[in-house]
Amino acid sequence: MDLLKKIGSWADALTQIGISLIAFGVVLEVLFGGVNIPFWPDISVVGNIMGILGSLSGEGLLGLVGAFVLYHILKNKG
């Protein structure tokens, strides 16, 4: 049981790190206009988020349910 708690805490920490990196990427793209960020790889965080939201909306009700479930999972983490 202790092993499962340790794995859960690692997963929680990795999720928090991922969310922080996504938020940091969005802020950098807003500040630098999305181009030539000195130490950030050549990816568009905002573009990727918009693509995910577009694919969820294209799925109709199933995408809405998926977004709702993901929102509640992340909301209950805090």
Protein backbone atom coordinates (compact mmCIF):
# COMPACT_ATOMS: atom_id res chain seq x y z
CA MET A 1 0.00 0.00 0.00
CA ASP A 2 2.92 2.32 0.72
CA LEU A 3 4.21 1.76 -2.82
CA LEU A 4 0.89 2.88 -4.29
CA LYS A 5 0.95 6.06 -2.20
CA LYS A 6 4.49 6.80 -3.35
CA ILE A 7 3.56 6.26 -7.01
CA GLY A 8 0.50 8.46 -6.52
CA SER A 9 2.57 11.25 -5.00
CA TRP A 10 5.05 11.04 -7.93
CA ALA A 11 2.19 11.21 -10.42
CA ASP A 12 0.73 14.19 -8.58
CA ALA A 13 4.08 15.98 -8.57
CA LEU A 14 4.60 15.32 -12.29
CA THR A 15 1.09 16.61 -13.03
CA GLN A 16 1.77 19.81 -11.10
CA ILE A 17 5.09 20.29 -12.91
CA GLY A 18 3.38 19.77 -16.27
CA ILE A 19 0.63 22.27 -15.50
CA SER A 20 3.22 24.79 -14.32
CA LEU A 21 5.25 24.36 -17.53
CA ILE A 22 2.14 24.82 -19.66
CA ALA A 23 1.22 28.00 -17.77
CA PHE A 24 4.81 29.24 -18.08
CA GLY A 25 4.73 28.58 -21.82
CA VAL A 26 1.50 30.53 -22.24
CA VAL A 27 2.94 33.49 -20.32
CA LEU A 28 6.14 33.44 -22.40
CA GLU A 29 4.18 33.36 -25.64
CA VAL A 30 2.08 36.32 -24.53
CA LEU A 31 5.11 38.34 -23.40
CA PHE A 32 7.33 37.57 -26.41
CA GLY A 33 4.60 37.42 -29.04
CA GLY A 34 5.12 33.71 -29.60
CA VAL A 35 8.35 34.05 -31.59
CA ASN A 36 12.05 33.86 -30.81
CA ILE A 37 11.80 33.02 -27.14
CA PRO A 38 15.48 32.67 -26.17
CA PHE A 39 15.46 29.44 -24.13
CA TRP A 40 12.11 27.92 -25.17
CA PRO A 41 11.90 25.25 -27.89
CA ASP A 42 10.21 26.16 -31.16
CA ILE A 43 6.71 25.04 -30.15
CA SER A 44 3.46 26.90 -29.80
CA VAL A 45 1.81 26.13 -26.47
CA VAL A 46 -1.19 28.31 -27.23
CA GLY A 47 -1.54 26.72 -30.68
CA ASN A 48 -1.45 23.24 -29.17
CA ILE A 49 -4.09 24.15 -26.57
CA MET A 50 -6.30 25.63 -29.30
CA GLY A 51 -5.87 22.44 -31.34
CA ILE A 52 -6.89 20.25 -28.40
CA LEU A 53 -9.93 22.41 -27.70
CA GLY A 54 -10.85 22.34 -31.39
CA SER A 55 -10.67 18.55 -31.52
CA LEU A 56 -12.77 18.28 -28.37
CA SER A 57 -15.42 20.58 -29.81
CA GLY A 58 -15.39 18.58 -33.05
CA GLU A 59 -16.35 15.46 -31.13
CA GLY A 60 -19.61 16.98 -29.87
CA LEU A 61 -21.04 15.58 -26.66
CA LEU A 62 -18.22 13.08 -26.16
CA GLY A 63 -15.64 15.88 -26.27
CA LEU A 64 -17.69 17.94 -23.84
CA VAL A 65 -17.89 15.03 -21.39
CA GLY A 66 -14.14 14.42 -21.75
CA ALA A 67 -13.34 18.07 -21.05
CA PHE A 68 -15.70 18.04 -18.05
CA VAL A 69 -14.04 14.94 -16.58
CA LEU A 70 -10.54 16.34 -17.14
CA TYR A 71 -11.53 19.64 -15.52
CA HIS A 72 -12.85 17.91 -12.40
CA ILE A 73 -9.80 15.67 -12.11
CA LEU A 74 -7.46 18.66 -12.21
CA LYS A 75 -9.72 20.78 -9.98
CA ASN A 76 -9.74 18.12 -7.25
CA LYS A 77 -5.92 17.89 -7.29
CA GLY A 78 -5.61 21.31 -5.64
